[in-house]
PDB file of N, CA and C in Angstrom:
ATOM      1  N   MET A   1      28.936  38.427   5.687  1.00  0.00           N
ATOM      2  CA  MET A   1      27.658  38.274   5.027  1.00  0.00           C
ATOM      3  C   MET A   1      27.290  36.787   5.002  1.00  0.00           C
ATOM      4  N   VAL A   2      26.115  36.466   5.462  1.00  0.00           N
ATOM      5  CA  VAL A   2      25.636  35.094   5.470  1.00  0.00           C
ATOM      6  C   VAL A   2      24.799  34.870   4.215  1.00  0.00           C
ATOM      7  N   LYS A   3      25.076  33.791   3.497  1.00  0.00           N
ATOM      8  CA  LYS A   3      24.307  33.486   2.295  1.00  0.00           C
ATOM      9  C   LYS A   3      23.253  32.437   2.628  1.00  0.00           C
ATOM     10  N   TYR A   4      22.091  32.594   2.048  1.00  0.00           N
ATOM     11  CA  TYR A   4      20.988  31.678   2.282  1.00  0.00           C
ATOM     12  C   TYR A   4      20.574  31.025   0.975  1.00  0.00           C
ATOM     13  N   ASN A   5      20.116  29.773   1.044  1.00  0.00           N
ATOM     14  CA  ASN A   5      19.621  29.114  -0.164  1.00  0.00           C
ATOM     15  C   ASN A   5      18.150  29.474  -0.355  1.00  0.00           C
ATOM     16  N   HIS A   6      17.510  28.891  -1.368  1.00  0.00           N
ATOM     17  CA  HIS A   6      16.130  29.258  -1.692  1.00  0.00           C
ATOM     18  C   HIS A   6      15.128  28.818  -0.637  1.00  0.00           C
ATOM     19  N   TYR A   7      15.512  28.015   0.324  1.00  0.00           N
ATOM     20  CA  TYR A   7      14.635  27.649   1.432  1.00  0.00           C
ATOM     21  C   TYR A   7      14.826  28.587   2.616  1.00  0.00           C
ATOM     22  N   ASN A   8      15.603  29.653   2.426  1.00  0.00           N
ATOM     23  CA  ASN A   8      15.878  30.656   3.438  1.00  0.00           C
ATOM     24  C   ASN A   8      16.602  30.076   4.657  1.00  0.00           C
ATOM     25  N   THR A   9      17.485  29.132   4.393  1.00  0.00           N
ATOM     26  CA  THR A   9      18.337  28.593   5.443  1.00  0.00           C
ATOM     27  C   THR A   9      19.789  28.855   5.067  1.00  0.00           C
ATOM     28  N   GLN A  10      20.646  28.896   6.037  1.00  0.00           N
ATOM     29  CA  GLN A  10      22.051  29.197   5.785  1.00  0.00           C
ATOM     30  C   GLN A  10      22.708  28.069   5.005  1.00  0.00           C
ATOM     31  N   PHE A  11      23.493  28.442   3.991  1.00  0.00           N
ATOM     32  CA  PHE A  11      24.228  27.471   3.180  1.00  0.00           C
ATOM     33  C   PHE A  11      25.469  27.009   3.932  1.00  0.00           C
ATOM     34  N   THR A  12      25.658  25.704   4.026  1.00  0.00           N
ATOM     35  CA  THR A  12      26.842  25.134   4.656  1.00  0.00           C
ATOM     36  C   THR A  12      27.513  24.211   3.651  1.00  0.00           C
ATOM     37  N   PRO A  13      28.742  24.518   3.230  1.00  0.00           N
ATOM     38  CA  PRO A  13      29.411  23.665   2.245  1.00  0.00           C
ATOM     39  C   PRO A  13      29.786  22.311   2.840  1.00  0.00           C
ATOM     40  N   LYS A  14      29.944  21.336   1.958  1.00  0.00           N
ATOM     41  CA  LYS A  14      30.388  20.006   2.387  1.00  0.00           C
ATOM     42  C   LYS A  14      31.850  20.123   2.821  1.00  0.00           C
ATOM     43  N   LEU A  15      32.170  19.550   3.982  1.00  0.00           N
ATOM     44  CA  LEU A  15      33.523  19.641   4.532  1.00  0.00           C
ATOM     45  C   LEU A  15      34.117  18.252   4.712  1.00  0.00           C
ATOM     46  N   CYS A  16      35.444  18.210   4.754  1.00  0.00           N
ATOM     47  CA  CYS A  16      36.178  16.964   4.916  1.00  0.00           C
ATOM     48  C   CYS A  16      37.364  17.250   5.845  1.00  0.00           C
ATOM     49  N   TRP A  17      37.676  16.309   6.738  1.00  0.00           N
ATOM     50  CA  TRP A  17      38.847  16.453   7.604  1.00  0.00           C
ATOM     51  C   TRP A  17      40.112  16.123   6.816  1.00  0.00           C
ATOM     52  N   VAL A  18      41.028  17.072   6.774  1.00  0.00           N
ATOM     53  CA  VAL A  18      42.339  16.876   6.148  1.00  0.00           C
ATOM     54  C   VAL A  18      43.358  17.240   7.214  1.00  0.00           C
ATOM     55  N   GLY A  19      44.031  16.236   7.737  1.00  0.00           N
ATOM     56  CA  GLY A  19      44.938  16.488   8.854  1.00  0.00           C
ATOM     57  C   GLY A  19      44.134  16.918  10.062  1.00  0.00           C
ATOM     58  N   GLU A  20      44.461  18.076  10.613  1.00  0.00           N
ATOM     59  CA  GLU A  20      43.773  18.581  11.799  1.00  0.00           C
ATOM     60  C   GLU A  20      42.768  19.678  11.470  1.00  0.00           C
ATOM     61  N   THR A  21      42.511  19.925  10.193  1.00  0.00           N
ATOM     62  CA  THR A  21      41.583  20.977   9.795  1.00  0.00           C
ATOM     63  C   THR A  21      40.504  20.424   8.879  1.00  0.00           C
ATOM     64  N   GLN A  22      39.404  21.159   8.789  1.00  0.00           N
ATOM     65  CA  GLN A  22      38.352  20.815   7.853  1.00  0.00           C
ATOM     66  C   GLN A  22      38.490  21.718   6.637  1.00  0.00           C
ATOM     67  N   LYS A  23      38.354  21.132   5.459  1.00  0.00           N
ATOM     68  CA  LYS A  23      38.445  21.890   4.222  1.00  0.00           C
ATOM     69  C   LYS A  23      37.169  21.708   3.418  1.00  0.00           C
ATOM     70  N   ILE A  24      36.838  22.725   2.637  1.00  0.00           N
ATOM     71  CA  ILE A  24      35.669  22.658   1.769  1.00  0.00           C
ATOM     72  C   ILE A  24      35.939  21.661   0.648  1.00  0.00           C
ATOM     73  N   CYS A  25      34.929  20.849   0.330  1.00  0.00           N
ATOM     74  CA  CYS A  25      35.022  19.869  -0.749  1.00  0.00           C
ATOM     75  C   CYS A  25      34.429  20.459  -2.028  1.00  0.00           C
ATOM     76  N   TYR A  26      35.093  20.245  -3.132  1.00  0.00           N
ATOM     77  CA  TYR A  26      34.596  20.633  -4.447  1.00  0.00           C
ATOM     78  C   TYR A  26      34.436  19.363  -5.272  1.00  0.00           C
ATOM     79  N   ASP A  27      33.320  19.247  -5.991  1.00  0.00           N
ATOM     80  CA  ASP A  27      33.020  18.028  -6.743  1.00  0.00           C
ATOM     81  C   ASP A  27      33.950  17.804  -7.928  1.00  0.00           C
ATOM     82  N   THR A  28      34.377  18.880  -8.580  1.00  0.00           N
ATOM     83  CA  THR A  28      35.238  18.747  -9.757  1.00  0.00           C
ATOM     84  C   THR A  28      36.458  19.651  -9.629  1.00  0.00           C
ATOM     85  N   ARG A  29      37.465  19.329 -10.390  1.00  0.00           N
ATOM     86  CA  ARG A  29      38.677  20.158 -10.424  1.00  0.00           C
ATOM     87  C   ARG A  29      38.340  21.572 -10.920  1.00  0.00           C
ATOM     88  N   GLU A  30      37.493  21.654 -11.930  1.00  0.00           N
ATOM     89  CA  GLU A  30      37.118  22.947 -12.503  1.00  0.00           C
ATOM     90  C   GLU A  30      36.414  23.826 -11.470  1.00  0.00           C
ATOM     91  N   GLU A  31      35.533  23.232 -10.675  1.00  0.00           N
ATOM     92  CA  GLU A  31      34.833  23.973  -9.623  1.00  0.00           C
ATOM     93  C   GLU A  31      35.836  24.518  -8.606  1.00  0.00           C
ATOM     94  N   ALA A  32      36.807  23.721  -8.229  1.00  0.00           N
ATOM     95  CA  ALA A  32      37.827  24.156  -7.274  1.00  0.00           C
ATOM     96  C   ALA A  32      38.694  25.262  -7.859  1.00  0.00           C
ATOM     97  N   GLU A  33      39.043  25.157  -9.134  1.00  0.00           N
ATOM     98  CA  GLU A  33      39.868  26.188  -9.772  1.00  0.00           C
ATOM     99  C   GLU A  33      39.136  27.523  -9.825  1.00  0.00           C
ATOM    100  N   VAL A  34      37.843  27.494 -10.110  1.00  0.00           N
ATOM    101  CA  VAL A  34      37.045  28.727 -10.120  1.00  0.00           C
ATOM    102  C   VAL A  34      36.986  29.320  -8.717  1.00  0.00           C
ATOM    103  N   ALA A  35      36.780  28.484  -7.707  1.00  0.00           N
ATOM    104  CA  ALA A  35      36.745  28.965  -6.321  1.00  0.00           C
ATOM    105  C   ALA A  35      38.073  29.611  -5.935  1.00  0.00           C
ATOM    106  N   ALA A  36      39.173  29.052  -6.398  1.00  0.00           N
ATOM    107  CA  ALA A  36      40.495  29.612  -6.110  1.00  0.00           C
ATOM    108  C   ALA A  36      40.643  30.991  -6.734  1.00  0.00           C
ATOM    109  N   LYS A  37      40.202  31.141  -7.972  1.00  0.00           N
ATOM    110  CA  LYS A  37      40.282  32.444  -8.651  1.00  0.00           C
ATOM    111  C   LYS A  37      39.388  33.476  -7.978  1.00  0.00           C
ATOM    112  N   VAL A  38      38.193  33.065  -7.566  1.00  0.00           N
ATOM    113  CA  VAL A  38      37.277  33.979  -6.877  1.00  0.00           C
ATOM    114  C   VAL A  38      37.884  34.430  -5.550  1.00  0.00           C
ATOM    115  N   ALA A  39      38.458  33.514  -4.794  1.00  0.00           N
ATOM    116  CA  ALA A  39      39.089  33.863  -3.518  1.00  0.00           C
ATOM    117  C   ALA A  39      40.238  34.839  -3.725  1.00  0.00           C
ATOM    118  N   GLN A  40      40.999  34.606  -4.771  1.00  0.00           N
ATOM    119  CA  GLN A  40      42.136  35.481  -5.064  1.00  0.00           C
ATOM    120  C   GLN A  40      41.651  36.870  -5.467  1.00  0.00           C
ATOM    121  N   TYR A  41      40.633  36.931  -6.309  1.00  0.00           N
ATOM    122  CA  TYR A  41      40.139  38.211  -6.810  1.00  0.00           C
ATOM    123  C   TYR A  41      39.341  38.971  -5.755  1.00  0.00           C
ATOM    124  N   ASP A  42      38.370  38.297  -5.109  1.00  0.00           N
ATOM    125  CA  ASP A  42      37.471  38.968  -4.172  1.00  0.00           C
ATOM    126  C   ASP A  42      38.100  39.246  -2.814  1.00  0.00           C
ATOM    127  N   HIS A  43      38.985  38.380  -2.361  1.00  0.00           N
ATOM    128  CA  HIS A  43      39.505  38.495  -0.999  1.00  0.00           C
ATOM    129  C   HIS A  43      41.003  38.727  -0.920  1.00  0.00           C
ATOM    130  N   GLY A  44      41.663  38.851  -2.059  1.00  0.00           N
ATOM    131  CA  GLY A  44      43.099  39.092  -2.055  1.00  0.00           C
ATOM    132  C   GLY A  44      43.898  37.921  -1.518  1.00  0.00           C
ATOM    133  N   ALA A  45      43.344  36.717  -1.647  1.00  0.00           N
ATOM    134  CA  ALA A  45      44.033  35.517  -1.155  1.00  0.00           C
ATOM    135  C   ALA A  45      45.289  35.270  -1.989  1.00  0.00           C
ATOM    136  N   PRO A  46      46.273  34.601  -1.419  1.00  0.00           N
ATOM    137  CA  PRO A  46      47.453  34.235  -2.210  1.00  0.00           C
ATOM    138  C   PRO A  46      47.042  33.241  -3.294  1.00  0.00           C
ATOM    139  N   GLU A  47      47.925  33.014  -4.244  1.00  0.00           N
ATOM    140  CA  GLU A  47      47.601  32.059  -5.299  1.00  0.00           C
ATOM    141  C   GLU A  47      47.370  30.682  -4.674  1.00  0.00           C
ATOM    142  N   LEU A  48      46.234  30.089  -5.001  1.00  0.00           N
ATOM    143  CA  LEU A  48      45.853  28.799  -4.437  1.00  0.00           C
ATOM    144  C   LEU A  48      45.997  27.704  -5.478  1.00  0.00           C
ATOM    145  N   THR A  49      46.380  26.527  -5.023  1.00  0.00           N
ATOM    146  CA  THR A  49      46.462  25.375  -5.922  1.00  0.00           C
ATOM    147  C   THR A  49      45.327  24.414  -5.579  1.00  0.00           C
ATOM    148  N   VAL A  50      45.065  23.500  -6.488  1.00  0.00           N
ATOM    149  CA  VAL A  50      43.978  22.539  -6.354  1.00  0.00           C
ATOM    150  C   VAL A  50      44.591  21.144  -6.263  1.00  0.00           C
ATOM    151  N   TYR A  51      44.049  20.304  -5.378  1.00  0.00           N
ATOM    152  CA  TYR A  51      44.525  18.925  -5.306  1.00  0.00           C
ATOM    153  C   TYR A  51      43.371  17.978  -5.009  1.00  0.00           C
ATOM    154  N   LYS A  52      43.516  16.742  -5.463  1.00  0.00           N
ATOM    155  CA  LYS A  52      42.508  15.714  -5.234  1.00  0.00           C
ATOM    156  C   LYS A  52      42.682  15.151  -3.830  1.00  0.00           C
ATOM    157  N   CYS A  53      41.578  15.028  -3.109  1.00  0.00           N
ATOM    158  CA  CYS A  53      41.612  14.510  -1.742  1.00  0.00           C
ATOM    159  C   CYS A  53      41.947  13.023  -1.759  1.00  0.00           C
ATOM    160  N   GLU A  54      42.827  12.613  -0.867  1.00  0.00           N
ATOM    161  CA  GLU A  54      43.197  11.203  -0.788  1.00  0.00           C
ATOM    162  C   GLU A  54      42.160  10.386  -0.032  1.00  0.00           C
ATOM    163  N   TYR A  55      41.196  11.048   0.616  1.00  0.00           N
ATOM    164  CA  TYR A  55      40.194  10.343   1.422  1.00  0.00           C
ATOM    165  C   TYR A  55      38.829  10.227   0.750  1.00  0.00           C
ATOM    166  N   GLY A  56      38.637  10.857  -0.387  1.00  0.00           N
ATOM    167  CA  GLY A  56      37.339  10.822  -1.059  1.00  0.00           C
ATOM    168  C   GLY A  56      37.463  11.246  -2.507  1.00  0.00           C
ATOM    169  N   ASP A  57      36.345  11.244  -3.190  1.00  0.00           N
ATOM    170  CA  ASP A  57      36.323  11.596  -4.609  1.00  0.00           C
ATOM    171  C   ASP A  57      35.942  13.065  -4.770  1.00  0.00           C
ATOM    172  N   HIS A  58      36.778  13.962  -4.246  1.00  0.00           N
ATOM    173  CA  HIS A  58      36.532  15.394  -4.346  1.00  0.00           C
ATOM    174  C   HIS A  58      37.865  16.147  -4.336  1.00  0.00           C
ATOM    175  N   TRP A  59      37.794  17.460  -4.412  1.00  0.00           N
ATOM    176  CA  TRP A  59      38.972  18.317  -4.555  1.00  0.00           C
ATOM    177  C   TRP A  59      39.008  19.354  -3.440  1.00  0.00           C
ATOM    178  N   HIS A  60      40.215  19.852  -3.121  1.00  0.00           N
ATOM    179  CA  HIS A  60      40.416  20.888  -2.106  1.00  0.00           C
ATOM    180  C   HIS A  60      41.358  21.967  -2.664  1.00  0.00           C
ATOM    181  N   LEU A  61      41.421  23.084  -1.934  1.00  0.00           N
ATOM    182  CA  LEU A  61      42.351  24.176  -2.257  1.00  0.00           C
ATOM    183  C   LEU A  61      43.487  24.164  -1.246  1.00  0.00           C
ATOM    184  N   SER A  62      44.651  24.614  -1.710  1.00  0.00           N
ATOM    185  CA  SER A  62      45.813  24.723  -0.836  1.00  0.00           C
ATOM    186  C   SER A  62      46.605  25.966  -1.197  1.00  0.00           C
ATOM    187  N   SER A  63      47.168  26.604  -0.190  1.00  0.00           N
ATOM    188  CA  SER A  63      48.024  27.759  -0.455  1.00  0.00           C
ATOM    189  C   SER A  63      49.464  27.339  -0.691  1.00  0.00           C
ATOM    190  N   LYS A  64      49.770  26.063  -0.502  1.00  0.00           N
ATOM    191  CA  LYS A  64      51.126  25.552  -0.756  1.00  0.00           C
ATOM    192  C   LYS A  64      51.311  25.347  -2.248  1.00  0.00           C
ATOM    193  N   THR A  65      52.482  25.726  -2.753  1.00  0.00           N
ATOM    194  CA  THR A  65      52.784  25.509  -4.170  1.00  0.00           C
ATOM    195  C   THR A  65      53.418  24.124  -4.352  1.00  0.00           C
ATOM    196  N   ALA A  66      53.136  23.544  -5.478  1.00  0.00           N
ATOM    197  CA  ALA A  66      53.639  22.189  -5.734  1.00  0.00           C
ATOM    198  C   ALA A  66      55.082  22.185  -6.129  1.00  0.00           C
TER     199      ALA A  66
END
């Protein structure tokens, strides 16, 4: 399912290169934690952890446990 914003264009999240992959950026820790819970509930994802990006002032999700 493709989601569109109010201008009827496809929504593209802000991404950041982490290693060899691009990850979605979250502005706050709380936003990332909610996204992790939604992914776990809606998509059956494994438990995800949240970490601060070393390259910018944002947060990412990881399936690795600390």
